[in-house]
Amino acid sequence: MNPIEATDGPGALKTPETTDGTGYTRMECPGCGEIGTRTLFHGSDRLFHTTDKSFLLVECKNCRLIRLEPRPSLEESAHYYPAEYWFTAEEDTASKIEEQYRRFVLRDHVNFVMRAVENSGENGLVVDVGCGGGLLLRMLRERGLAVLGLEKSHAAASAAWKRNHVAVVRGDLSEGPIERGTCAVVTMFHVLEHLHEPVSYLRSARDLLVPGGRLVIQVPNASSWQFLMFGEHWNGVDVPRHLVNYRQRDLEHLLNYCGFEVVRRKHFSLRDNPAGFASSIAPALDPMARRVRKLSETPAMKLVKDVLYFGIVLAALPFTLFEAACGAGSTIMLEARKKA
């Protein structure tokens, strides 16, 4: 039986609860429906400190899919996303410097998407799901593409329009006003691991694409060397926001099941891999986490922390390049073609 087909239908990739004789509530695996697990470790919110609650990271004994347990409800999950999550609302000197840095490290994302557009052979719309502040879309538009953002956060959508002047629709793929069969490329950078129902989301993305259209997707790589090194301290698990931690094989199997064929893979991201290494070692130095948590810092203290953090980022660069060259980078970026 196909592991995902075991839960296909109205309840696809949801996690029904089963109570064993001890009274412990166990969740069925979202990949294969099995109950048996082995616990990898306990974890809490190391980065943003949104909760003191402890969670388990467990691996399915059957298909080995790694997931968070207990899985937060949609209502509970909302409390784990702080304001200005992955975007900056203010425009000041520091934010402008940050934008130039982000432009530099986003170039490999932009180039990956540009090639996907070329491979699609279409001039249709490029939709970025979970676009945040919209800088990626702005950079794509500067290269002549028609772009649109999709974002649930009102504050992020507003920032994307005010700062980067890109159109953003609030909502998700299943409810958005985008006409089916009109998009050349749909992108999801660090979205899938947050989703309660990834199958329906991916199928909605497929419906939006033109024949031969492309899906570009990026997630943390649970088969990376960094995960083996850092375990529960690896930034890629991001407890409690990441509900599923995908290995490359898990992701490719899921995409195939949802009507996609993977045609290209990339294991290195200049934006994410070295910075993820640094945040795994020193989460207290992470600039975004410090900003989001609104920590009180003198200008001198802020400068020292920023210098230390980016020093670790630079020191991690050779290692992260090497692990990616060996196919074990801390992120996976895939281009997948819509099947006929």
Protein backbone atom coordinates (compact mmCIF):
# COMPACT_ATOMS: atom_id res chain seq x y z
CA MET A 1 0.00 0.00 0.00
CA ASN A 2 1.21 3.50 -0.81
CA PRO A 3 2.14 5.05 2.56
CA ILE A 4 0.14 8.19 1.88
CA GLU A 5 -2.80 6.36 0.34
CA ALA A 6 -3.43 4.84 3.74
CA THR A 7 -4.93 8.15 4.86
CA ASP A 8 -6.20 9.43 1.51
CA GLY A 9 -9.64 10.96 1.29
CA PRO A 10 -11.39 13.60 3.42
CA GLY A 11 -8.96 13.00 6.29
CA ALA A 12 -5.78 12.96 4.20
CA LEU A 13 -2.63 13.78 6.14
CA LYS A 14 -4.54 14.59 9.30
CA THR A 15 -3.54 12.82 12.50
CA PRO A 16 -6.36 10.96 14.24
CA GLU A 17 -5.82 10.29 17.92
CA THR A 18 -5.67 6.84 19.50
CA THR A 19 -5.55 6.29 23.26
CA ASP A 20 -3.63 3.22 24.41
CA GLY A 21 -4.14 1.33 27.63
CA THR A 22 -1.95 3.72 29.61
CA GLY A 23 -4.16 6.70 28.79
CA TYR A 24 -1.46 8.28 26.61
CA THR A 25 -2.92 9.84 23.48
CA ARG A 26 -0.99 8.66 20.45
CA MET A 27 -1.24 10.18 16.99
CA GLU A 28 -1.38 8.22 13.76
CA CYS A 29 1.48 8.92 11.36
CA PRO A 30 0.39 11.46 8.71
CA GLY A 31 2.41 9.54 6.13
CA CYS A 32 1.31 5.94 6.62
CA GLY A 33 -1.32 5.85 9.37
CA GLU A 34 0.74 3.71 11.77
CA ILE A 35 0.76 4.46 15.50
CA GLY A 36 4.13 3.05 16.53
CA THR A 37 6.90 5.61 17.03
CA ARG A 38 10.28 6.02 18.61
CA THR A 39 11.07 9.25 20.40
CA LEU A 40 14.08 11.12 19.06
CA PHE A 41 14.14 13.90 21.64
CA HIS A 42 12.20 16.55 23.53
CA GLY A 43 12.18 20.12 22.31
CA SER A 44 10.81 23.58 23.05
CA ASP A 45 10.82 26.98 21.38
CA ARG A 46 14.53 27.85 21.51
CA LEU A 47 14.33 30.69 19.01
CA PHE A 48 11.35 32.91 19.83
CA HIS A 49 10.34 31.65 23.31
CA THR A 50 6.63 31.83 22.46
CA THR A 51 5.85 28.98 24.87
CA ASP A 52 7.42 26.99 27.70
CA LYS A 53 5.60 23.87 26.56
CA SER A 54 7.74 20.83 25.72
CA PHE A 55 7.10 18.73 22.61
CA LEU A 56 8.37 15.41 21.32
CA LEU A 57 10.02 14.84 17.99
CA VAL A 58 9.13 11.29 17.03
CA GLU A 59 9.94 9.02 14.11
CA CYS A 60 7.37 6.61 12.68
CA LYS A 61 8.54 3.03 13.15
CA ASN A 62 7.07 2.09 9.76
CA CYS A 63 7.89 4.86 7.26
CA ARG A 64 10.36 6.83 9.47
CA LEU A 65 8.63 10.17 8.87
CA ILE A 66 9.69 12.62 11.60
CA ARG A 67 6.98 14.74 13.17
CA LEU A 68 6.07 16.91 16.13
CA GLU A 69 3.93 15.36 18.85
CA PRO A 70 1.50 16.37 20.17
CA ARG A 71 0.54 18.28 17.03
CA PRO A 72 -0.80 21.75 17.92
CA SER A 73 -4.26 22.65 16.68
CA LEU A 74 -4.62 25.48 14.18
CA GLU A 75 -5.76 27.77 16.99
CA GLU A 76 -2.83 26.80 19.21
CA SER A 77 -0.33 27.11 16.36
CA ALA A 78 -1.33 30.73 15.80
CA HIS A 79 0.17 31.63 19.18
CA TYR A 80 3.57 30.27 18.15
CA TYR A 81 4.06 32.77 15.32
CA PRO A 82 5.28 36.09 16.70
CA ALA A 83 4.61 39.45 15.11
CA GLU A 84 6.99 40.32 12.26
CA TYR A 85 7.73 36.64 11.67
CA TRP A 86 10.07 36.61 8.63
CA PHE A 87 9.49 40.25 7.71
CA THR A 88 10.33 43.75 8.97
CA ALA A 89 7.62 46.40 9.20
CA GLU A 90 9.86 49.34 10.05
CA GLU A 91 11.93 51.25 7.51
CA ASP A 92 15.09 52.59 9.10
CA THR A 93 18.81 52.48 8.45
CA ALA A 94 19.20 49.04 10.02
CA SER A 95 16.34 47.58 7.97
CA LYS A 96 17.80 49.02 4.76
CA ILE A 97 21.17 47.41 5.51
CA GLU A 98 19.35 44.15 6.25
CA GLU A 99 17.54 44.42 2.91
CA GLN A 100 20.83 44.71 1.01
CA TYR A 101 22.15 41.65 2.81
CA ARG A 102 18.97 39.71 2.05
CA ARG A 103 19.15 40.73 -1.60
CA PHE A 104 22.64 39.27 -1.75
CA VAL A 105 21.77 35.95 -0.11
CA LEU A 106 18.47 35.58 -2.03
CA ARG A 107 20.16 35.54 -5.41
CA ASP A 108 20.38 31.76 -5.59
CA HIS A 109 16.64 31.55 -4.82
CA VAL A 110 15.93 34.06 -7.58
CA ASN A 111 18.14 32.21 -10.06
CA PHE A 112 16.49 28.89 -9.19
CA VAL A 113 13.02 30.35 -9.82
CA MET A 114 14.13 32.06 -13.04
CA ARG A 115 15.36 28.75 -14.42
CA ALA A 116 12.09 27.07 -13.40
CA VAL A 117 10.19 29.74 -15.35
CA GLU A 118 12.38 29.07 -18.39
CA ASN A 119 11.84 25.32 -18.03
CA SER A 120 8.07 25.78 -17.91
CA GLY A 121 8.15 27.43 -21.34
CA GLU A 122 5.38 29.79 -20.22
CA ASN A 123 5.04 33.49 -19.47
CA GLY A 124 2.37 33.01 -16.83
CA LEU A 125 2.15 34.34 -13.32
CA VAL A 126 4.68 33.49 -10.59
CA VAL A 127 2.92 33.05 -7.23
CA ASP A 128 4.93 32.96 -4.00
CA VAL A 129 3.01 31.24 -1.19
CA GLY A 130 3.86 32.64 2.24
CA CYS A 131 5.65 35.60 0.68
CA GLY A 132 6.34 37.46 3.94
CA GLY A 133 7.65 40.95 3.24
CA GLY A 134 7.75 40.33 -0.51
CA LEU A 135 11.43 40.98 -1.26
CA LEU A 136 11.80 37.80 -3.34
CA LEU A 137 8.81 38.82 -5.46
CA ARG A 138 10.24 42.29 -5.93
CA MET A 139 13.53 40.83 -7.15
CA LEU A 140 11.68 38.53 -9.56
CA ARG A 141 9.60 41.43 -10.86
CA GLU A 142 12.78 43.42 -11.45
CA ARG A 143 13.75 40.61 -13.83
CA GLY A 144 10.58 41.08 -15.84
CA LEU A 145 8.25 38.48 -14.31
CA ALA A 146 4.58 38.94 -13.45
CA VAL A 147 4.35 38.16 -9.75
CA LEU A 148 1.78 37.80 -6.99
CA GLY A 149 2.15 37.01 -3.30
CA LEU A 150 -0.10 34.87 -1.13
CA GLU A 151 0.11 35.55 2.60
CA LYS A 152 -2.13 34.88 5.61
CA SER A 153 -0.61 37.60 7.80
CA HIS A 154 -2.20 41.01 7.33
CA ALA A 155 0.90 42.74 8.71
CA ALA A 156 3.22 40.87 6.31
CA ALA A 157 0.97 41.55 3.31
CA SER A 158 0.87 45.24 4.23
CA ALA A 159 4.66 45.35 4.57
CA ALA A 160 5.08 43.66 1.17
CA TRP A 161 2.98 46.36 -0.47
CA LYS A 162 4.45 49.33 1.41
CA ARG A 163 8.10 48.32 1.28
CA ASN A 164 8.37 46.31 -1.93
CA HIS A 165 5.28 47.43 -3.85
CA VAL A 166 4.19 43.92 -4.76
CA ALA A 167 0.57 42.80 -4.91
CA VAL A 168 -0.36 40.30 -2.22
CA VAL A 169 -3.58 38.34 -1.74
CA ARG A 170 -4.47 37.40 1.82
CA GLY A 171 -5.51 33.80 2.24
CA ASP A 172 -4.34 30.37 1.17
CA LEU A 173 -4.21 28.43 -2.08
CA SER A 174 -7.57 26.72 -1.68
CA GLU A 175 -9.43 29.99 -1.07
CA GLY A 176 -7.51 32.50 -3.19
CA PRO A 177 -8.99 34.24 -6.24
CA ILE A 178 -6.23 33.06 -8.59
CA GLU A 179 -7.66 31.47 -11.73
CA ARG A 180 -6.78 27.82 -12.23
CA GLY A 181 -4.34 26.94 -14.98
CA THR A 182 -2.80 30.42 -15.21
CA CYS A 183 0.46 30.17 -13.25
CA ALA A 184 3.81 29.27 -14.76
CA VAL A 185 5.43 28.73 -11.35
CA VAL A 186 4.20 28.42 -7.77
CA THR A 187 6.86 28.77 -5.08
CA MET A 188 6.79 27.63 -1.44
CA PHE A 189 9.91 28.54 0.50
CA HIS A 190 9.76 27.07 4.00
CA VAL A 191 6.00 26.58 3.95
CA LEU A 192 5.30 22.85 3.68
CA GLU A 193 6.77 21.93 7.07
CA HIS A 194 4.24 24.27 8.74
CA LEU A 195 1.11 22.83 7.10
CA HIS A 196 -1.52 20.70 8.80
CA GLU A 197 -2.79 19.36 5.45
CA PRO A 198 0.06 19.43 2.90
CA VAL A 199 -1.67 17.11 0.40
CA SER A 200 -4.62 19.41 -0.19
CA TYR A 201 -2.28 22.40 -0.37
CA LEU A 202 -0.03 20.80 -2.97
CA ARG A 203 -2.99 19.68 -5.03
CA SER A 204 -4.32 23.24 -4.97
CA ALA A 205 -0.94 24.44 -6.23
CA ARG A 206 -1.09 21.87 -9.03
CA ASP A 207 -4.51 23.14 -10.09
CA LEU A 208 -3.16 26.67 -10.47
CA LEU A 209 -0.35 25.65 -12.81
CA VAL A 210 -0.45 25.63 -16.59
CA PRO A 211 0.32 22.26 -18.27
CA GLY A 212 4.02 21.67 -17.64
CA GLY A 213 4.08 24.41 -14.99
CA ARG A 214 6.59 24.21 -12.16
CA LEU A 215 6.43 24.02 -8.39
CA VAL A 216 9.51 25.32 -6.56
CA ILE A 217 9.63 24.17 -2.96
CA GLN A 218 12.20 24.43 -0.17
CA VAL A 219 12.19 22.78 3.27
CA PRO A 220 14.78 21.98 5.96
CA ASN A 221 16.47 18.66 5.23
CA ALA A 222 16.00 16.11 8.02
CA SER A 223 18.65 13.91 6.39
CA SER A 224 21.28 16.63 6.64
CA TRP A 225 24.55 16.45 8.51
CA GLN A 226 23.46 19.41 10.61
CA PHE A 227 20.49 17.44 11.95
CA LEU A 228 22.83 14.57 12.86
CA MET A 229 25.22 17.00 14.55
CA PHE A 230 22.82 19.18 16.49
CA GLY A 231 19.79 16.96 17.12
CA GLU A 232 17.17 18.82 19.13
CA HIS A 233 19.29 21.97 18.88
CA TRP A 234 19.17 22.02 15.08
CA ASN A 235 17.52 25.19 13.88
CA GLY A 236 15.70 23.23 11.16
CA VAL A 237 13.32 21.48 13.57
CA ASP A 238 12.03 24.87 14.82
CA VAL A 239 9.78 23.47 17.55
CA PRO A 240 6.80 24.04 17.74
CA ARG A 241 6.23 25.62 14.30
CA HIS A 242 7.49 22.77 12.11
CA LEU A 243 4.93 19.97 12.23
CA VAL A 244 6.75 17.54 9.91
CA ASN A 245 10.49 17.27 9.27
CA TYR A 246 11.03 15.95 5.75
CA ARG A 247 13.88 13.91 4.43
CA GLN A 248 14.41 14.27 0.69
CA ARG A 249 12.78 10.90 0.03
CA ASP A 250 9.71 11.90 2.10
CA LEU A 251 9.32 15.11 0.15
CA GLU A 252 9.77 13.52 -3.26
CA HIS A 253 7.30 10.77 -2.43
CA LEU A 254 4.73 13.35 -1.30
CA LEU A 255 5.19 15.44 -4.45
CA ASN A 256 4.83 12.38 -6.67
CA TYR A 257 1.62 11.42 -4.89
CA CYS A 258 0.23 14.94 -5.41
CA GLY A 259 0.85 14.95 -9.16
CA PHE A 260 4.37 16.29 -9.56
CA GLU A 261 7.61 14.94 -11.01
CA VAL A 262 10.83 16.24 -9.45
CA VAL A 263 13.22 17.44 -12.16
CA ARG A 264 15.88 19.41 -10.25
CA ARG A 265 17.39 19.45 -6.76
CA LYS A 266 19.60 21.87 -4.84
CA HIS A 267 20.98 21.31 -1.34
CA PHE A 268 22.55 24.69 -0.66
CA SER A 269 20.98 28.03 0.16
CA LEU A 270 23.27 30.96 0.89
CA ARG A 271 20.47 32.55 2.89
CA ASP A 272 19.55 29.52 4.98
CA ASN A 273 22.31 26.93 5.38
CA PRO A 274 25.10 28.96 7.05
CA ALA A 275 22.62 31.05 9.06
CA GLY A 276 20.84 27.90 10.23
CA PHE A 277 24.18 26.54 11.46
CA ALA A 278 24.80 29.77 13.39
CA SER A 279 21.31 29.81 14.91
CA SER A 280 21.69 26.18 15.97
CA ILE A 281 24.85 27.02 17.89
CA ALA A 282 23.80 30.41 19.25
CA PRO A 283 20.04 31.05 19.04
CA ALA A 284 20.42 33.97 21.44
CA LEU A 285 22.48 35.79 18.80
CA ASP A 286 20.01 35.31 15.92
CA PRO A 287 19.21 38.86 14.72
CA MET A 288 15.65 38.08 13.65
CA ALA A 289 14.84 36.34 16.94
CA ARG A 290 16.27 39.25 18.93
CA ARG A 291 14.23 41.74 16.92
CA VAL A 292 11.04 39.70 17.18
CA ARG A 293 11.45 39.26 20.93
CA LYS A 294 12.09 43.01 21.26
CA LEU A 295 15.09 42.52 23.51
CA SER A 296 16.49 45.60 25.19
CA GLU A 297 19.98 46.16 23.74
CA THR A 298 22.29 49.12 23.70
CA PRO A 299 23.70 50.01 20.25
CA ALA A 300 27.09 48.65 21.32
CA MET A 301 25.58 45.39 22.57
CA LYS A 302 23.57 44.98 19.37
CA LEU A 303 26.69 45.53 17.27
CA VAL A 304 28.71 43.00 19.25
CA LYS A 305 25.99 40.36 18.96
CA ASP A 306 25.55 41.00 15.22
CA VAL A 307 29.30 40.73 14.61
CA LEU A 308 29.52 37.49 16.60
CA TYR A 309 26.55 36.00 14.77
CA PHE A 310 27.79 36.82 11.29
CA GLY A 311 31.24 35.63 12.28
CA ILE A 312 29.71 32.20 12.95
CA VAL A 313 27.82 32.41 9.65
CA LEU A 314 31.03 33.06 7.72
CA ALA A 315 32.91 30.35 9.61
CA ALA A 316 30.11 27.88 8.77
CA LEU A 317 30.18 28.63 5.05
CA PRO A 318 32.88 26.09 4.03
CA PHE A 319 31.22 23.28 6.00
CA THR A 320 27.74 24.04 4.67
CA LEU A 321 29.05 24.12 1.10
CA PHE A 322 30.76 20.76 1.62
CA GLU A 323 27.73 19.04 3.17
CA ALA A 324 25.58 20.34 0.31
CA ALA A 325 28.07 19.04 -2.27
CA CYS A 326 27.70 15.63 -0.61
CA GLY A 327 23.91 15.80 -0.95
CA ALA A 328 23.40 16.36 2.79
CA GLY A 329 22.81 20.11 2.96
CA SER A 330 20.53 21.48 5.65
CA THR A 331 17.90 22.55 3.11
CA ILE A 332 16.36 20.92 0.03
CA MET A 333 15.19 23.09 -2.88
CA LEU A 334 13.27 21.21 -5.55
CA GLU A 335 11.78 22.04 -8.93
CA ALA A 336 8.88 19.76 -9.76
CA ARG A 337 6.93 19.58 -13.02
CA LYS A 338 3.17 19.26 -13.09
CA LYS A 339 2.32 15.84 -14.44
CA ALA A 340 -0.06 15.58 -17.37
